[in-house]
Amino acid sequence: MKKRILILTAGFGEGHNSAARGVREGLARVAASEVEIELRDLFPEAYGIFNDIVRRTYLGIINRWPGSWGYVYRWLDAITNFDERFERFSRLKQRFTHLIERFQPHVIVSTFPPYPYLLDQILETNPKGLHRCKSVVVITDSITVNAVWYRCDADYFLPPNEQSAAVVRAGGVTPEKIKTFGFPVNPKFADFTQDRPFPSSNNSGRRVLYMIHAATRGAPELVRRLASLGIDLTVTIGRADRLRPAIEEAAGDSNTMILGWTDELPRMLHESHLLIGKAGGATVQETIAAGCPMIINHVVSGQEEGNARLIVETNSGVITHSPSEVIAQVQRAFADDAKQWRGWAENIRRLSRPRASLDIAEFLISL
């Protein structure tokens, strides 16, 4: 009989979805014939257009006023009665119950915090006596791990690194329940194992990837300044097609490649010497998996603070606050025979766990 594994996510930040996809793709690669997998986001199913409004509002706040979200984040961290609060999610719980009844999972993997609380409530009160399945929480925060992640009664907690595991242990979770495999990035990251060439002595051989995030203000100006350095520059705009004309104008006739949405990020990060981007959970963990030093140019207060701290405290990159600072750090990284870059690259390589999704898949199969 195939093992049935249910993976649950939510569209409030790309880190949750990225982790969920990574777990699914790791399972598909490790044990495709042994498992039956479902990946679901139950929030739009339960709340429809209202969920979309809330999600868009949340994303608008963190992109336009990133510092303000820290107040909400710290308020959530101080809550001790999450069970009571999540009891109000009756429509979500109803959807969740029907899914469990139909799919009968052996393991439920949650990459978004409310699900484990709702699972406990369902298993305690459901009159049909649903069988007890294993509950596994994949934590997508680093260092500043919100308490909502670990105050539930899950069987296992999978933090992305040892720094975050220490926070979970300090929060009262027994060490036996904590497994640190790394963040479940796309298993394609594990396919790129050869060393990254050192930057060449001329700018044209220094490869920089700039990932433009949803907070696009100032992006054209930064592209213009980066292009003026004469580096080998790649700019990704995702699905923000409206931004392309401004970016193309800023790049001018420089050696700059401009891309929309792409699934080639594992290869691109492996081939790049530097990543410039926001401190999102997925972005930071993917650059770590690729061993590519990072210049952070946007931090959302709260959950992204820990991601940024992870890069800075391990001396794997730096935080900047303006286009001028980004340019100064790019120049510093490659100066003096790339001395700064070599230090960053060596440090981030120590953090790298590109096989995390595969290791997590093997663990889930073993339960």
Protein backbone atom coordinates (compact mmCIF):
# COMPACT_ATOMS: atom_id res chain seq x y z
CA MET A 1 0.00 0.00 0.00
CA LYS A 2 1.28 3.45 -0.88
CA LYS A 3 1.96 5.90 1.91
CA ARG A 4 -0.37 8.89 1.62
CA ILE A 5 1.25 12.24 2.42
CA LEU A 6 -0.74 15.47 2.58
CA ILE A 7 1.20 18.74 2.23
CA LEU A 8 -0.54 21.95 3.34
CA THR A 9 0.50 25.50 2.50
CA ALA A 10 -0.92 29.03 2.20
CA GLY A 11 -0.25 31.95 -0.13
CA PHE A 12 0.87 34.39 2.57
CA GLY A 13 4.50 34.70 1.48
CA GLU A 14 6.38 32.63 -1.06
CA GLY A 15 8.41 30.78 1.58
CA HIS A 16 5.44 28.61 2.56
CA ASN A 17 4.63 27.64 -1.02
CA SER A 18 8.28 27.10 -1.90
CA ALA A 19 8.79 24.75 1.05
CA ALA A 20 5.63 22.82 0.18
CA ARG A 21 6.68 22.38 -3.44
CA GLY A 22 10.17 21.35 -2.34
CA VAL A 23 8.77 18.61 -0.11
CA ARG A 24 6.49 17.39 -2.90
CA GLU A 25 9.29 17.35 -5.47
CA GLY A 26 11.66 15.66 -3.05
CA LEU A 27 9.10 12.90 -2.44
CA ALA A 28 8.48 12.55 -6.17
CA ARG A 29 12.19 12.08 -6.79
CA VAL A 30 12.95 9.78 -3.85
CA ALA A 31 9.88 7.57 -3.75
CA ALA A 32 7.44 8.31 -6.57
CA SER A 33 6.20 4.71 -6.68
CA GLU A 34 5.82 4.46 -2.91
CA VAL A 35 3.76 7.53 -2.10
CA GLU A 36 0.53 9.24 -2.97
CA ILE A 37 0.89 13.01 -2.55
CA GLU A 38 -1.59 15.86 -2.31
CA LEU A 39 -0.52 19.51 -1.97
CA ARG A 40 -3.31 21.88 -0.98
CA ASP A 41 -3.91 25.47 0.10
CA LEU A 42 -7.19 25.25 2.00
CA PHE A 43 -7.56 28.98 2.67
CA PRO A 44 -8.87 30.01 -0.78
CA GLU A 45 -11.01 26.88 -0.84
CA ALA A 46 -12.63 27.85 2.47
CA TYR A 47 -12.83 31.63 2.16
CA GLY A 48 -12.75 32.40 -1.56
CA ILE A 49 -12.60 36.09 -2.46
CA PHE A 50 -12.24 37.12 1.21
CA ASN A 51 -9.00 35.15 1.45
CA ASP A 52 -7.76 36.83 -1.71
CA ILE A 53 -8.50 40.28 -0.25
CA VAL A 54 -6.69 39.44 3.01
CA ARG A 55 -3.73 37.95 1.14
CA ARG A 56 -3.39 40.97 -1.15
CA THR A 57 -3.65 43.32 1.83
CA TYR A 58 -0.93 41.43 3.67
CA LEU A 59 1.39 41.43 0.66
CA GLY A 60 0.69 45.12 0.07
CA ILE A 61 1.61 46.00 3.66
CA ILE A 62 4.88 44.05 3.73
CA ASN A 63 5.97 45.43 0.36
CA ARG A 64 5.02 49.09 0.91
CA TRP A 65 5.55 49.39 4.67
CA PRO A 66 7.86 46.49 5.62
CA GLY A 67 8.70 47.95 9.02
CA SER A 68 5.06 48.01 10.15
CA TRP A 69 4.59 44.24 9.97
CA GLY A 70 6.99 43.78 12.88
CA TYR A 71 4.33 45.00 15.33
CA VAL A 72 1.90 42.33 14.15
CA TYR A 73 4.62 39.70 14.16
CA ARG A 74 5.63 40.44 17.75
CA TRP A 75 1.98 40.47 18.83
CA LEU A 76 1.52 36.99 17.36
CA ASP A 77 4.68 35.78 19.05
CA ALA A 78 3.30 36.78 22.46
CA ILE A 79 0.00 34.89 22.07
CA THR A 80 -0.34 31.78 24.26
CA ASN A 81 -3.88 30.65 23.35
CA PHE A 82 -3.47 29.79 19.68
CA ASP A 83 -5.83 26.81 20.06
CA GLU A 84 -8.70 29.07 21.11
CA ARG A 85 -8.03 31.56 18.35
CA PHE A 86 -7.89 28.94 15.61
CA GLU A 87 -11.22 27.45 16.78
CA ARG A 88 -12.83 30.38 14.97
CA PHE A 89 -11.66 29.01 11.60
CA SER A 90 -14.76 26.80 11.31
CA ARG A 91 -15.01 26.84 7.51
CA LEU A 92 -11.33 26.02 7.16
CA LYS A 93 -11.70 23.21 9.68
CA GLN A 94 -14.66 21.83 7.77
CA ARG A 95 -12.66 21.73 4.52
CA PHE A 96 -9.74 20.16 6.34
CA THR A 97 -11.98 17.48 7.89
CA HIS A 98 -13.48 16.50 4.52
CA LEU A 99 -10.00 16.27 3.01
CA ILE A 100 -8.76 13.99 5.80
CA GLU A 101 -11.84 11.79 5.50
CA ARG A 102 -11.34 11.40 1.76
CA PHE A 103 -7.55 11.14 1.52
CA GLN A 104 -6.87 9.35 4.84
CA PRO A 105 -3.26 10.58 5.05
CA HIS A 106 -0.57 8.76 6.98
CA VAL A 107 1.46 11.95 7.33
CA ILE A 108 0.40 15.62 7.21
CA VAL A 109 3.15 18.12 6.46
CA SER A 110 2.34 21.74 7.34
CA THR A 111 4.34 24.66 5.94
CA PHE A 112 1.91 27.23 7.38
CA PRO A 113 1.35 27.43 11.17
CA PRO A 114 -2.44 27.14 11.71
CA TYR A 115 -2.85 23.66 10.24
CA PRO A 116 -1.38 21.59 13.13
CA TYR A 117 -3.67 23.32 15.64
CA LEU A 118 -6.70 22.64 13.46
CA LEU A 119 -5.61 19.03 12.97
CA ASP A 120 -5.53 18.45 16.74
CA GLN A 121 -9.02 19.93 17.09
CA ILE A 122 -10.35 17.76 14.27
CA LEU A 123 -8.89 14.54 15.65
CA GLU A 124 -10.19 15.30 19.15
CA THR A 125 -13.76 16.15 18.20
CA ASN A 126 -14.56 14.35 14.94
CA PRO A 127 -17.30 11.78 15.63
CA LYS A 128 -16.12 9.45 12.88
CA GLY A 129 -12.99 8.61 14.86
CA LEU A 130 -10.43 9.45 12.19
CA HIS A 131 -7.20 7.52 12.54
CA ARG A 132 -4.27 9.35 14.06
CA CYS A 133 -1.74 10.45 11.45
CA LYS A 134 1.72 11.89 11.97
CA SER A 135 1.90 15.68 12.04
CA VAL A 136 5.10 17.28 10.75
CA VAL A 137 5.74 21.04 10.79
CA VAL A 138 8.22 22.47 8.27
CA ILE A 139 9.32 25.82 9.72
CA THR A 140 10.12 28.46 7.12
CA ASP A 141 11.37 31.18 9.51
CA SER A 142 15.02 31.52 10.51
CA ILE A 143 16.27 32.70 13.94
CA THR A 144 13.25 34.97 14.62
CA VAL A 145 10.99 31.91 14.71
CA ASN A 146 7.49 32.97 15.75
CA ALA A 147 6.04 30.96 18.63
CA VAL A 148 2.98 30.06 16.54
CA TRP A 149 5.20 27.53 14.75
CA TYR A 150 6.00 25.38 17.79
CA ARG A 151 3.28 25.84 20.42
CA CYS A 152 1.21 23.14 18.72
CA ASP A 153 1.29 19.43 19.53
CA ALA A 154 2.97 18.15 16.35
CA ASP A 155 5.02 14.96 16.21
CA TYR A 156 8.04 16.58 14.57
CA PHE A 157 9.35 20.06 13.84
CA LEU A 158 11.75 20.64 10.92
CA PRO A 159 13.57 24.00 11.30
CA PRO A 160 15.73 25.14 8.38
CA ASN A 161 19.02 25.42 10.29
CA GLU A 162 20.69 24.87 13.67
CA GLN A 163 20.24 28.52 14.67
CA SER A 164 16.47 28.13 14.33
CA ALA A 165 16.48 24.71 15.99
CA ALA A 166 17.99 26.34 19.08
CA VAL A 167 15.06 28.77 19.22
CA VAL A 168 12.54 25.91 18.99
CA ARG A 169 14.31 23.99 21.77
CA ALA A 170 14.36 27.12 23.93
CA GLY A 171 10.61 27.40 23.29
CA GLY A 172 10.05 24.10 25.08
CA VAL A 173 10.04 21.52 22.27
CA THR A 174 11.90 18.34 23.24
CA PRO A 175 15.04 17.64 21.17
CA GLU A 176 13.64 14.29 19.99
CA LYS A 177 10.92 16.13 18.07
CA ILE A 178 13.33 18.45 16.26
CA LYS A 179 14.94 17.30 13.01
CA THR A 180 17.22 19.69 11.12
CA PHE A 181 17.59 18.72 7.47
CA GLY A 182 17.66 22.23 6.02
CA PHE A 183 15.05 24.18 4.08
CA PRO A 184 13.34 21.98 1.44
CA VAL A 185 14.51 23.79 -1.67
CA ASN A 186 13.85 22.36 -5.12
CA PRO A 187 15.86 19.11 -5.44
CA LYS A 188 17.44 20.54 -8.60
CA PHE A 189 19.79 22.41 -6.26
CA ALA A 190 21.36 19.07 -5.37
CA ASP A 191 22.21 18.48 -9.04
CA PHE A 192 24.73 21.32 -9.11
CA THR A 193 27.67 20.11 -7.08
CA GLN A 194 30.67 21.45 -8.97
CA ASP A 195 32.52 24.42 -7.49
CA ARG A 196 31.63 27.93 -8.63
CA PRO A 197 34.53 29.55 -10.54
CA PHE A 198 36.18 32.50 -8.84
CA PRO A 199 35.27 35.92 -10.27
CA SER A 200 37.56 36.95 -13.09
CA SER A 201 39.83 39.95 -12.81
CA ASN A 202 37.62 42.00 -15.16
CA ASN A 203 34.07 43.10 -14.49
CA SER A 204 32.57 41.32 -17.49
CA GLY A 205 33.32 37.96 -15.86
CA ARG A 206 31.69 38.86 -12.55
CA ARG A 207 28.17 37.45 -12.61
CA VAL A 208 25.52 39.22 -10.55
CA LEU A 209 21.86 38.19 -10.32
CA TYR A 210 19.36 40.86 -9.25
CA MET A 211 15.95 39.46 -8.34
CA ILE A 212 13.43 42.29 -8.28
CA HIS A 213 10.80 41.65 -5.62
CA ALA A 214 7.28 43.03 -5.31
CA ALA A 215 8.56 46.27 -3.77
CA THR A 216 9.77 47.61 -7.13
CA ARG A 217 10.35 51.24 -6.19
CA GLY A 218 13.94 52.14 -7.01
CA ALA A 219 14.54 49.01 -9.10
CA PRO A 220 15.20 50.82 -12.42
CA GLU A 221 17.69 53.16 -10.72
CA LEU A 222 19.55 50.21 -9.20
CA VAL A 223 19.66 48.44 -12.55
CA ARG A 224 21.08 51.58 -14.18
CA ARG A 225 23.84 51.79 -11.56
CA LEU A 226 24.64 48.08 -11.72
CA ALA A 227 24.79 48.16 -15.52
CA SER A 228 27.28 51.02 -15.36
CA LEU A 229 29.74 48.75 -13.52
CA GLY A 230 30.21 46.63 -16.64
CA ILE A 231 29.45 43.39 -14.80
CA ASP A 232 27.69 40.35 -16.27
CA LEU A 233 24.23 41.26 -14.94
CA THR A 234 21.02 39.22 -14.99
CA VAL A 235 17.78 40.81 -13.80
CA THR A 236 14.62 38.81 -13.05
CA ILE A 237 11.31 40.67 -12.92
CA GLY A 238 9.11 37.65 -12.22
CA ARG A 239 5.60 38.26 -13.48
CA ALA A 240 5.87 42.08 -13.23
CA ASP A 241 5.77 42.56 -17.00
CA ARG A 242 4.73 46.20 -16.58
CA LEU A 243 8.21 46.83 -15.18
CA ARG A 244 10.10 45.52 -18.20
CA PRO A 245 10.18 48.76 -20.28
CA ALA A 246 11.68 50.73 -17.38
CA ILE A 247 14.26 48.02 -16.67
CA GLU A 248 15.22 47.74 -20.35
CA GLU A 249 15.66 51.50 -20.54
CA ALA A 250 17.79 51.50 -17.39
CA ALA A 251 19.98 48.68 -18.68
CA GLY A 252 20.61 50.47 -21.98
CA ASP A 253 23.13 48.67 -24.19
CA SER A 254 24.99 47.07 -21.27
CA ASN A 255 25.71 43.36 -20.86
CA THR A 256 22.40 42.77 -19.05
CA MET A 257 19.96 39.89 -19.47
CA ILE A 258 16.36 40.61 -18.40
CA LEU A 259 14.12 37.65 -17.62
CA GLY A 260 10.50 37.22 -16.58
CA TRP A 261 9.32 34.24 -14.59
CA THR A 262 11.75 31.32 -14.80
CA ASP A 263 12.15 27.84 -13.34
CA GLU A 264 15.92 27.95 -13.94
CA LEU A 265 16.74 29.59 -10.62
CA PRO A 266 18.82 26.65 -9.26
CA ARG A 267 21.13 26.84 -12.28
CA MET A 268 21.19 30.65 -12.33
CA LEU A 269 22.10 30.91 -8.65
CA HIS A 270 24.80 28.31 -9.02
CA GLU A 271 26.33 30.21 -11.93
CA SER A 272 26.15 33.62 -10.21
CA HIS A 273 28.76 35.14 -7.91
CA LEU A 274 26.31 37.41 -6.07
CA LEU A 275 22.57 37.59 -5.52
CA ILE A 276 20.87 40.92 -4.86
CA GLY A 277 17.35 40.53 -3.46
CA LYS A 278 14.93 40.63 -0.53
CA ALA A 279 15.32 38.61 2.67
CA GLY A 280 12.35 36.36 1.95
CA GLY A 281 12.41 32.84 3.33
CA ALA A 282 12.55 31.16 -0.07
CA THR A 283 15.08 33.59 -1.55
CA VAL A 284 17.54 33.39 1.33
CA GLN A 285 17.30 29.62 1.63
CA GLU A 286 17.76 29.11 -2.10
CA THR A 287 20.86 31.31 -2.22
CA ILE A 288 22.24 29.36 0.76
CA ALA A 289 21.51 26.06 -0.98
CA ALA A 290 23.36 27.32 -4.06
CA GLY A 291 26.25 28.66 -1.99
CA CYS A 292 25.83 32.10 -3.56
CA PRO A 293 26.64 35.11 -1.31
CA MET A 294 23.84 37.64 -0.97
CA ILE A 295 23.40 41.39 -0.82
CA ILE A 296 20.04 42.00 0.84
CA ASN A 297 18.24 45.17 -0.23
CA HIS A 298 14.80 44.70 1.40
CA VAL A 299 13.78 43.27 4.79
CA VAL A 300 10.23 42.85 6.09
CA SER A 301 10.19 43.43 9.83
CA GLY A 302 9.42 40.26 11.75
CA GLN A 303 9.82 36.99 9.87
CA GLU A 304 12.42 38.29 7.38
CA GLU A 305 14.62 39.81 10.07
CA GLY A 306 15.83 36.36 11.02
CA ASN A 307 16.62 35.47 7.42
CA ALA A 308 18.70 38.63 7.11
CA ARG A 309 20.44 37.93 10.43
CA LEU A 310 21.34 34.45 9.23
CA ILE A 311 23.18 35.91 6.24
CA VAL A 312 24.91 38.66 8.22
CA GLU A 313 25.75 36.71 11.39
CA THR A 314 27.39 33.95 9.38
CA ASN A 315 29.26 36.55 7.27
CA SER A 316 27.67 35.19 4.10
CA GLY A 317 26.62 38.57 2.76
CA VAL A 318 25.39 41.97 3.85
CA ILE A 319 22.29 44.15 4.30
CA THR A 320 21.99 47.41 2.36
CA HIS A 321 19.50 50.26 2.59
CA SER A 322 19.88 52.15 -0.69
CA PRO A 323 21.03 51.67 -4.30
CA SER A 324 24.26 53.48 -3.44
CA GLU A 325 25.00 50.97 -0.66
CA VAL A 326 24.29 48.06 -3.01
CA ILE A 327 26.78 49.40 -5.55
CA ALA A 328 29.39 50.00 -2.85
CA GLN A 329 29.01 46.42 -1.59
CA VAL A 330 29.24 44.92 -5.08
CA GLN A 331 32.47 46.85 -5.66
CA ARG A 332 33.79 45.85 -2.24
CA ALA A 333 32.99 42.17 -2.86
CA PHE A 334 35.13 42.05 -6.00
CA ALA A 335 37.91 44.40 -4.86
CA ASP A 336 41.40 43.20 -3.89
CA ASP A 337 41.18 39.98 -5.93
CA ALA A 338 37.62 39.37 -4.65
CA LYS A 339 38.83 39.02 -1.06
CA GLN A 340 35.44 39.84 0.48
CA TRP A 341 33.59 37.60 -1.94
CA ARG A 342 35.89 34.65 -1.18
CA GLY A 343 35.14 34.98 2.53
CA TRP A 344 31.40 35.18 1.95
CA ALA A 345 31.47 32.21 -0.43
CA GLU A 346 33.38 30.02 2.01
CA ASN A 347 30.99 30.83 4.86
CA ILE A 348 27.77 30.32 2.93
CA ARG A 349 29.08 27.02 1.61
CA ARG A 350 29.17 25.76 5.20
CA LEU A 351 25.44 26.53 5.57
CA SER A 352 24.44 24.94 2.28
CA ARG A 353 22.15 21.88 2.35
CA PRO A 354 21.00 21.45 -1.23
CA ARG A 355 19.76 17.90 -0.53
CA ALA A 356 17.31 19.03 2.16
CA SER A 357 14.13 18.15 0.26
CA LEU A 358 15.50 14.70 -0.53
CA ASP A 359 16.52 14.09 3.09
CA ILE A 360 13.13 15.28 4.32
CA ALA A 361 11.41 12.99 1.82
CA GLU A 362 13.35 9.99 3.12
CA PHE A 363 12.44 10.94 6.69
CA LEU A 364 8.73 11.23 5.85
CA ILE A 365 8.76 7.85 4.13
CA SER A 366 10.34 6.32 7.24
CA LEU A 367 7.52 7.45 9.56
